[in-house]
Amino acid sequence: MIRKEGKARWVYECAPCSEHGTYPDQFRAIERKQKHEQTFGHFGKTTAAIVRETFQPLMDAFGFGRLEPWQEQVLTRSLWEDLK
């Protein structure tokens, strides 16, 4: 998400990745967004979030509890960065 916070202050934020940066113009913020969204880390984290949101209601319905911390790490870690 790109938003303007003030004069010569544009902010780019990626919620799933906790990535954010401040830039003096909108063009640089757009460039950063495009570069970040092409990384395998971003792909892995957004894919993990989608899988979690999709299957968590099913797991709750069939009696499976929340994912263990190590399972969360497997879903969210940057396995995709090794593919560079």
PDB file of N, CA and C in Angstrom:
ATOM      1  N   MET A   1       0.841  -1.164   0.000  1.00  0.00           N
ATOM      2  CA  MET A   1       0.000   0.000   0.000  1.00  0.00           C
ATOM      3  C   MET A   1       0.890   1.232   0.000  1.00  0.00           C
ATOM      4  N   ILE A   2       0.573   2.165  -0.837  1.00  0.00           N
ATOM      5  CA  ILE A   2       1.309   3.420  -0.910  1.00  0.00           C
ATOM      6  C   ILE A   2       0.368   4.539  -0.473  1.00  0.00           C
ATOM      7  N   ARG A   3       0.853   5.373   0.410  1.00  0.00           N
ATOM      8  CA  ARG A   3       0.028   6.502   0.857  1.00  0.00           C
ATOM      9  C   ARG A   3       0.919   7.712   1.100  1.00  0.00           C
ATOM     10  N   LYS A   4       0.303   8.874   1.054  1.00  0.00           N
ATOM     11  CA  LYS A   4       1.009  10.121   1.293  1.00  0.00           C
ATOM     12  C   LYS A   4       0.748  10.563   2.730  1.00  0.00           C
ATOM     13  N   GLU A   5       1.827  10.777   3.479  1.00  0.00           N
ATOM     14  CA  GLU A   5       1.692  11.188   4.874  1.00  0.00           C
ATOM     15  C   GLU A   5       1.910  12.677   5.071  1.00  0.00           C
ATOM     16  N   GLY A   6       2.519  13.313   4.128  1.00  0.00           N
ATOM     17  CA  GLY A   6       2.778  14.738   4.254  1.00  0.00           C
ATOM     18  C   GLY A   6       3.526  15.226   3.026  1.00  0.00           C
ATOM     19  N   LYS A   7       3.965  16.456   3.091  1.00  0.00           N
ATOM     20  CA  LYS A   7       4.693  17.024   1.963  1.00  0.00           C
ATOM     21  C   LYS A   7       6.013  16.270   1.785  1.00  0.00           C
ATOM     22  N   ALA A   8       6.228  15.780   0.584  1.00  0.00           N
ATOM     23  CA  ALA A   8       7.440  15.030   0.236  1.00  0.00           C
ATOM     24  C   ALA A   8       7.660  13.841   1.163  1.00  0.00           C
ATOM     25  N   ARG A   9       6.571  13.129   1.475  1.00  0.00           N
ATOM     26  CA  ARG A   9       6.683  11.955   2.347  1.00  0.00           C
ATOM     27  C   ARG A   9       5.674  10.897   1.895  1.00  0.00           C
ATOM     28  N   TRP A  10       6.161   9.969   1.099  1.00  0.00           N
ATOM     29  CA  TRP A  10       5.347   8.865   0.617  1.00  0.00           C
ATOM     30  C   TRP A  10       5.794   7.599   1.326  1.00  0.00           C
ATOM     31  N   VAL A  11       4.839   6.794   1.767  1.00  0.00           N
ATOM     32  CA  VAL A  11       5.136   5.592   2.542  1.00  0.00           C
ATOM     33  C   VAL A  11       4.623   4.364   1.802  1.00  0.00           C
ATOM     34  N   TYR A  12       5.490   3.355   1.687  1.00  0.00           N
ATOM     35  CA  TYR A  12       5.092   2.057   1.129  1.00  0.00           C
ATOM     36  C   TYR A  12       5.090   1.044   2.266  1.00  0.00           C
ATOM     37  N   GLU A  13       3.994   0.265   2.377  1.00  0.00           N
ATOM     38  CA  GLU A  13       3.886  -0.767   3.397  1.00  0.00           C
ATOM     39  C   GLU A  13       3.349  -2.051   2.772  1.00  0.00           C
ATOM     40  N   CYS A  14       3.947  -3.166   3.177  1.00  0.00           N
ATOM     41  CA  CYS A  14       3.475  -4.490   2.795  1.00  0.00           C
ATOM     42  C   CYS A  14       3.122  -5.205   4.096  1.00  0.00           C
ATOM     43  N   ALA A  15       1.841  -5.395   4.346  1.00  0.00           N
ATOM     44  CA  ALA A  15       1.388  -5.954   5.623  1.00  0.00           C
ATOM     45  C   ALA A  15       1.883  -7.386   5.873  1.00  0.00           C
ATOM     46  N   PRO A  16       1.773  -8.317   4.913  1.00  0.00           N
ATOM     47  CA  PRO A  16       2.217  -9.686   5.206  1.00  0.00           C
ATOM     48  C   PRO A  16       3.710  -9.781   5.516  1.00  0.00           C
ATOM     49  N   CYS A  17       4.507  -8.921   4.909  1.00  0.00           N
ATOM     50  CA  CYS A  17       5.960  -9.000   5.067  1.00  0.00           C
ATOM     51  C   CYS A  17       6.509  -8.045   6.121  1.00  0.00           C
ATOM     52  N   SER A  18       5.689  -7.187   6.663  1.00  0.00           N
ATOM     53  CA  SER A  18       6.122  -6.153   7.613  1.00  0.00           C
ATOM     54  C   SER A  18       7.212  -5.268   7.005  1.00  0.00           C
ATOM     55  N   GLU A  19       7.097  -5.019   5.734  1.00  0.00           N
ATOM     56  CA  GLU A  19       8.052  -4.187   4.988  1.00  0.00           C
ATOM     57  C   GLU A  19       7.491  -2.777   4.900  1.00  0.00           C
ATOM     58  N   HIS A  20       8.313  -1.795   5.158  1.00  0.00           N
ATOM     59  CA  HIS A  20       7.842  -0.431   4.948  1.00  0.00           C
ATOM     60  C   HIS A  20       9.028   0.496   4.720  1.00  0.00           C
ATOM     61  N   GLY A  21       8.760   1.536   3.956  1.00  0.00           N
ATOM     62  CA  GLY A  21       9.790   2.509   3.640  1.00  0.00           C
ATOM     63  C   GLY A  21       9.182   3.861   3.343  1.00  0.00           C
ATOM     64  N   THR A  22       9.971   4.905   3.567  1.00  0.00           N
ATOM     65  CA  THR A  22       9.522   6.267   3.336  1.00  0.00           C
ATOM     66  C   THR A  22      10.350   6.868   2.207  1.00  0.00           C
ATOM     67  N   TYR A  23       9.677   7.539   1.285  1.00  0.00           N
ATOM     68  CA  TYR A  23      10.341   8.085   0.101  1.00  0.00           C
ATOM     69  C   TYR A  23       9.885   9.519  -0.143  1.00  0.00           C
ATOM     70  N   PRO A  24      10.729  10.315  -0.812  1.00  0.00           N
ATOM     71  CA  PRO A  24      10.378  11.712  -1.036  1.00  0.00           C
ATOM     72  C   PRO A  24       9.359  11.931  -2.158  1.00  0.00           C
ATOM     73  N   ASP A  25       9.209  10.934  -3.042  1.00  0.00           N
ATOM     74  CA  ASP A  25       8.221  11.090  -4.111  1.00  0.00           C
ATOM     75  C   ASP A  25       7.507   9.763  -4.378  1.00  0.00           C
ATOM     76  N   GLN A  26       6.377   9.876  -5.020  1.00  0.00           N
ATOM     77  CA  GLN A  26       5.539   8.711  -5.260  1.00  0.00           C
ATOM     78  C   GLN A  26       6.211   7.716  -6.204  1.00  0.00           C
ATOM     79  N   PHE A  27       6.974   8.210  -7.152  1.00  0.00           N
ATOM     80  CA  PHE A  27       7.625   7.337  -8.126  1.00  0.00           C
ATOM     81  C   PHE A  27       8.557   6.342  -7.440  1.00  0.00           C
ATOM     82  N   ARG A  28       9.346   6.802  -6.481  1.00  0.00           N
ATOM     83  CA  ARG A  28      10.267   5.902  -5.774  1.00  0.00           C
ATOM     84  C   ARG A  28       9.512   4.892  -4.924  1.00  0.00           C
ATOM     85  N   ALA A  29       8.402   5.288  -4.346  1.00  0.00           N
ATOM     86  CA  ALA A  29       7.584   4.357  -3.570  1.00  0.00           C
ATOM     87  C   ALA A  29       6.999   3.275  -4.481  1.00  0.00           C
ATOM     88  N   ILE A  30       6.557   3.647  -5.657  1.00  0.00           N
ATOM     89  CA  ILE A  30       6.027   2.677  -6.620  1.00  0.00           C
ATOM     90  C   ILE A  30       7.120   1.725  -7.075  1.00  0.00           C
ATOM     91  N   GLU A  31       8.314   2.243  -7.323  1.00  0.00           N
ATOM     92  CA  GLU A  31       9.437   1.385  -7.706  1.00  0.00           C
ATOM     93  C   GLU A  31       9.740   0.359  -6.622  1.00  0.00           C
ATOM     94  N   ARG A  32       9.750   0.800  -5.370  1.00  0.00           N
ATOM     95  CA  ARG A  32      10.031  -0.104  -4.260  1.00  0.00           C
ATOM     96  C   ARG A  32       8.961  -1.182  -4.152  1.00  0.00           C
ATOM     97  N   LYS A  33       7.718  -0.803  -4.341  1.00  0.00           N
ATOM     98  CA  LYS A  33       6.618  -1.765  -4.295  1.00  0.00           C
ATOM     99  C   LYS A  33       6.803  -2.825  -5.375  1.00  0.00           C
ATOM    100  N   GLN A  34       7.112  -2.398  -6.588  1.00  0.00           N
ATOM    101  CA  GLN A  34       7.286  -3.339  -7.684  1.00  0.00           C
ATOM    102  C   GLN A  34       8.461  -4.283  -7.441  1.00  0.00           C
ATOM    103  N   LYS A  35       9.567  -3.757  -6.945  1.00  0.00           N
ATOM    104  CA  LYS A  35      10.728  -4.602  -6.661  1.00  0.00           C
ATOM    105  C   LYS A  35      10.419  -5.596  -5.550  1.00  0.00           C
ATOM    106  N   HIS A  36       9.746  -5.134  -4.506  1.00  0.00           N
ATOM    107  CA  HIS A  36       9.449  -6.016  -3.376  1.00  0.00           C
ATOM    108  C   HIS A  36       8.477  -7.122  -3.761  1.00  0.00           C
ATOM    109  N   GLU A  37       7.463  -6.800  -4.524  1.00  0.00           N
ATOM    110  CA  GLU A  37       6.452  -7.794  -4.880  1.00  0.00           C
ATOM    111  C   GLU A  37       6.962  -8.838  -5.864  1.00  0.00           C
ATOM    112  N   GLN A  38       8.142  -8.639  -6.424  1.00  0.00           N
ATOM    113  CA  GLN A  38       8.726  -9.626  -7.326  1.00  0.00           C
ATOM    114  C   GLN A  38       9.650 -10.604  -6.598  1.00  0.00           C
ATOM    115  N   THR A  39       9.874 -10.423  -5.307  1.00  0.00           N
ATOM    116  CA  THR A  39      10.774 -11.303  -4.569  1.00  0.00           C
ATOM    117  C   THR A  39      10.065 -12.595  -4.167  1.00  0.00           C
ATOM    118  N   PHE A  40      10.856 -13.645  -3.984  1.00  0.00           N
ATOM    119  CA  PHE A  40      10.305 -14.923  -3.559  1.00  0.00           C
ATOM    120  C   PHE A  40       9.861 -14.869  -2.101  1.00  0.00           C
ATOM    121  N   GLY A  41      10.478 -14.033  -1.290  1.00  0.00           N
ATOM    122  CA  GLY A  41      10.066 -13.883   0.103  1.00  0.00           C
ATOM    123  C   GLY A  41       8.646 -13.376   0.211  1.00  0.00           C
ATOM    124  N   HIS A  42       8.310 -12.376  -0.592  1.00  0.00           N
ATOM    125  CA  HIS A  42       6.947 -11.838  -0.606  1.00  0.00           C
ATOM    126  C   HIS A  42       5.964 -12.907  -1.091  1.00  0.00           C
ATOM    127  N   PHE A  43       6.354 -13.631  -2.124  1.00  0.00           N
ATOM    128  CA  PHE A  43       5.505 -14.695  -2.661  1.00  0.00           C
ATOM    129  C   PHE A  43       5.237 -15.761  -1.601  1.00  0.00           C
ATOM    130  N   GLY A  44       6.266 -16.166  -0.882  1.00  0.00           N
ATOM    131  CA  GLY A  44       6.118 -17.187   0.150  1.00  0.00           C
ATOM    132  C   GLY A  44       5.231 -16.740   1.291  1.00  0.00           C
ATOM    133  N   LYS A  45       5.406 -15.511   1.740  1.00  0.00           N
ATOM    134  CA  LYS A  45       4.616 -15.031   2.866  1.00  0.00           C
ATOM    135  C   LYS A  45       3.155 -14.830   2.492  1.00  0.00           C
ATOM    136  N   THR A  46       2.889 -14.325   1.301  1.00  0.00           N
ATOM    137  CA  THR A  46       1.490 -14.143   0.902  1.00  0.00           C
ATOM    138  C   THR A  46       0.820 -15.482   0.630  1.00  0.00           C
ATOM    139  N   THR A  47       1.556 -16.438   0.064  1.00  0.00           N
ATOM    140  CA  THR A  47       1.008 -17.769  -0.170  1.00  0.00           C
ATOM    141  C   THR A  47       0.689 -18.446   1.157  1.00  0.00           C
ATOM    142  N   ALA A  48       1.581 -18.329   2.124  1.00  0.00           N
ATOM    143  CA  ALA A  48       1.353 -18.920   3.442  1.00  0.00           C
ATOM    144  C   ALA A  48       0.128 -18.299   4.114  1.00  0.00           C
ATOM    145  N   ALA A  49      -0.037 -17.000   3.970  1.00  0.00           N
ATOM    146  CA  ALA A  49      -1.197 -16.332   4.565  1.00  0.00           C
ATOM    147  C   ALA A  49      -2.494 -16.811   3.916  1.00  0.00           C
ATOM    148  N   ILE A  50      -2.482 -16.996   2.611  1.00  0.00           N
ATOM    149  CA  ILE A  50      -3.665 -17.475   1.909  1.00  0.00           C
ATOM    150  C   ILE A  50      -4.010 -18.898   2.331  1.00  0.00           C
ATOM    151  N   VAL A  51      -3.003 -19.764   2.411  1.00  0.00           N
ATOM    152  CA  VAL A  51      -3.231 -21.150   2.823  1.00  0.00           C
ATOM    153  C   VAL A  51      -3.775 -21.191   4.244  1.00  0.00           C
ATOM    154  N   ARG A  52      -3.196 -20.394   5.127  1.00  0.00           N
ATOM    155  CA  ARG A  52      -3.642 -20.369   6.521  1.00  0.00           C
ATOM    156  C   ARG A  52      -5.089 -19.898   6.617  1.00  0.00           C
ATOM    157  N   GLU A  53      -5.431 -18.814   5.913  1.00  0.00           N
ATOM    158  CA  GLU A  53      -6.792 -18.290   5.963  1.00  0.00           C
ATOM    159  C   GLU A  53      -7.800 -19.263   5.354  1.00  0.00           C
ATOM    160  N   THR A  54      -7.373 -20.030   4.366  1.00  0.00           N
ATOM    161  CA  THR A  54      -8.272 -20.960   3.700  1.00  0.00           C
ATOM    162  C   THR A  54      -8.560 -22.190   4.545  1.00  0.00           C
ATOM    163  N   PHE A  55      -7.518 -22.777   5.112  1.00  0.00           N
ATOM    164  CA  PHE A  55      -7.685 -24.056   5.785  1.00  0.00           C
ATOM    165  C   PHE A  55      -7.918 -23.973   7.285  1.00  0.00           C
ATOM    166  N   GLN A  56      -7.719 -22.828   7.900  1.00  0.00           N
ATOM    167  CA  GLN A  56      -7.928 -22.722   9.343  1.00  0.00           C
ATOM    168  C   GLN A  56      -9.376 -22.994   9.751  1.00  0.00           C
ATOM    169  N   PRO A  57     -10.394 -22.481   9.040  1.00  0.00           N
ATOM    170  CA  PRO A  57     -11.773 -22.824   9.421  1.00  0.00           C
ATOM    171  C   PRO A  57     -12.056 -24.329   9.314  1.00  0.00           C
ATOM    172  N   LEU A  58     -11.490 -24.994   8.320  1.00  0.00           N
ATOM    173  CA  LEU A  58     -11.670 -26.436   8.187  1.00  0.00           C
ATOM    174  C   LEU A  58     -10.993 -27.177   9.330  1.00  0.00           C
ATOM    175  N   MET A  59      -9.794 -26.744   9.682  1.00  0.00           N
ATOM    176  CA  MET A  59      -9.089 -27.374  10.790  1.00  0.00           C
ATOM    177  C   MET A  59      -9.848 -27.181  12.099  1.00  0.00           C
ATOM    178  N   ASP A  60     -10.417 -26.012  12.307  1.00  0.00           N
ATOM    179  CA  ASP A  60     -11.218 -25.751  13.507  1.00  0.00           C
ATOM    180  C   ASP A  60     -12.485 -26.604  13.512  1.00  0.00           C
ATOM    181  N   ALA A  61     -13.112 -26.765  12.352  1.00  0.00           N
ATOM    182  CA  ALA A  61     -14.356 -27.524  12.257  1.00  0.00           C
ATOM    183  C   ALA A  61     -14.147 -29.005  12.538  1.00  0.00           C
ATOM    184  N   PHE A  62     -13.014 -29.555  12.126  1.00  0.00           N
ATOM    185  CA  PHE A  62     -12.752 -30.977  12.315  1.00  0.00           C
ATOM    186  C   PHE A  62     -11.966 -31.278  13.583  1.00  0.00           C
ATOM    187  N   GLY A  63     -11.787 -30.281  14.423  1.00  0.00           N
ATOM    188  CA  GLY A  63     -11.174 -30.526  15.717  1.00  0.00           C
ATOM    189  C   GLY A  63      -9.670 -30.390  15.762  1.00  0.00           C
ATOM    190  N   PHE A  64      -9.054 -30.044  14.663  1.00  0.00           N
ATOM    191  CA  PHE A  64      -7.620 -29.800  14.708  1.00  0.00           C
ATOM    192  C   PHE A  64      -7.405 -28.432  15.330  1.00  0.00           C
ATOM    193  N   GLY A  65      -6.458 -28.335  16.200  1.00  0.00           N
ATOM    194  CA  GLY A  65      -6.204 -27.059  16.860  1.00  0.00           C
ATOM    195  C   GLY A  65      -5.451 -26.101  15.968  1.00  0.00           C
ATOM    196  N   ARG A  66      -5.034 -25.021  16.574  1.00  0.00           N
ATOM    197  CA  ARG A  66      -4.208 -24.058  15.849  1.00  0.00           C
ATOM    198  C   ARG A  66      -2.897 -24.718  15.479  1.00  0.00           C
ATOM    199  N   LEU A  67      -2.234 -24.152  14.501  1.00  0.00           N
ATOM    200  CA  LEU A  67      -0.941 -24.687  14.114  1.00  0.00           C
ATOM    201  C   LEU A  67       0.076 -24.474  15.230  1.00  0.00           C
ATOM    202  N   GLU A  68       0.956 -25.425  15.353  1.00  0.00           N
ATOM    203  CA  GLU A  68       2.051 -25.306  16.310  1.00  0.00           C
ATOM    204  C   GLU A  68       3.004 -24.219  15.826  1.00  0.00           C
ATOM    205  N   PRO A  69       3.782 -23.633  16.737  1.00  0.00           N
ATOM    206  CA  PRO A  69       4.718 -22.577  16.311  1.00  0.00           C
ATOM    207  C   PRO A  69       5.683 -23.027  15.219  1.00  0.00           C
ATOM    208  N   TRP A  70       6.155 -24.269  15.291  1.00  0.00           N
ATOM    209  CA  TRP A  70       7.086 -24.727  14.257  1.00  0.00           C
ATOM    210  C   TRP A  70       6.387 -24.872  12.908  1.00  0.00           C
ATOM    211  N   GLN A  71       5.089 -25.206  12.920  1.00  0.00           N
ATOM    212  CA  GLN A  71       4.348 -25.302  11.668  1.00  0.00           C
ATOM    213  C   GLN A  71       4.128 -23.919  11.061  1.00  0.00           C
ATOM    214  N   GLU A  72       3.886 -22.923  11.916  1.00  0.00           N
ATOM    215  CA  GLU A  72       3.755 -21.542  11.436  1.00  0.00           C
ATOM    216  C   GLU A  72       5.057 -21.096  10.780  1.00  0.00           C
ATOM    217  N   GLN A  73       6.178 -21.452  11.399  1.00  0.00           N
ATOM    218  CA  GLN A  73       7.472 -21.059  10.854  1.00  0.00           C
ATOM    219  C   GLN A  73       7.717 -21.717   9.499  1.00  0.00           C
ATOM    220  N   VAL A  74       7.302 -22.975   9.363  1.00  0.00           N
ATOM    221  CA  VAL A  74       7.466 -23.666   8.084  1.00  0.00           C
ATOM    222  C   VAL A  74       6.669 -22.964   7.006  1.00  0.00           C
ATOM    223  N   LEU A  75       5.440 -22.526   7.348  1.00  0.00           N
ATOM    224  CA  LEU A  75       4.601 -21.841   6.362  1.00  0.00           C
ATOM    225  C   LEU A  75       5.151 -20.470   5.995  1.00  0.00           C
ATOM    226  N   THR A  76       5.713 -19.761   6.971  1.00  0.00           N
ATOM    227  CA  THR A  76       6.074 -18.370   6.720  1.00  0.00           C
ATOM    228  C   THR A  76       7.552 -18.141   6.455  1.00  0.00           C
ATOM    229  N   ARG A  77       8.396 -19.118   6.706  1.00  0.00           N
ATOM    230  CA  ARG A  77       9.819 -18.855   6.507  1.00  0.00           C
ATOM    231  C   ARG A  77      10.123 -18.682   5.034  1.00  0.00           C
ATOM    232  N   SER A  78      11.263 -18.162   4.764  1.00  0.00           N
ATOM    233  CA  SER A  78      11.608 -17.782   3.395  1.00  0.00           C
ATOM    234  C   SER A  78      12.221 -18.957   2.627  1.00  0.00           C
ATOM    235  N   LEU A  79      11.456 -20.025   2.474  1.00  0.00           N
ATOM    236  CA  LEU A  79      11.919 -21.136   1.646  1.00  0.00           C
ATOM    237  C   LEU A  79      12.087 -20.686   0.201  1.00  0.00           C
ATOM    238  N   TRP A  80      11.269 -19.726  -0.163  1.00  0.00           N
ATOM    239  CA  TRP A  80      11.245 -19.281  -1.556  1.00  0.00           C
ATOM    240  C   TRP A  80      12.497 -18.515  -1.917  1.00  0.00           C
ATOM    241  N   GLU A  81      13.204 -17.957  -0.955  1.00  0.00           N
ATOM    242  CA  GLU A  81      14.408 -17.188  -1.269  1.00  0.00           C
ATOM    243  C   GLU A  81      15.538 -18.090  -1.752  1.00  0.00           C
ATOM    244  N   ASP A  82      15.496 -19.382  -1.413  1.00  0.00           N
ATOM    245  CA  ASP A  82      16.510 -20.308  -1.877  1.00  0.00           C
ATOM    246  C   ASP A  82      16.388 -20.597  -3.373  1.00  0.00           C
ATOM    247  N   LEU A  83      15.266 -20.235  -3.967  1.00  0.00           N
ATOM    248  CA  LEU A  83      15.039 -20.505  -5.378  1.00  0.00           C
ATOM    249  C   LEU A  83      15.636 -19.460  -6.310  1.00  0.00           C
ATOM    250  N   LYS A  84      16.230 -18.422  -5.745  1.00  0.00           N
ATOM    251  CA  LYS A  84      16.780 -17.341  -6.581  1.00  0.00           C
ATOM    252  C   LYS A  84      17.808 -17.833  -7.548  1.00  0.00           C
TER     253      LYS A  84
END
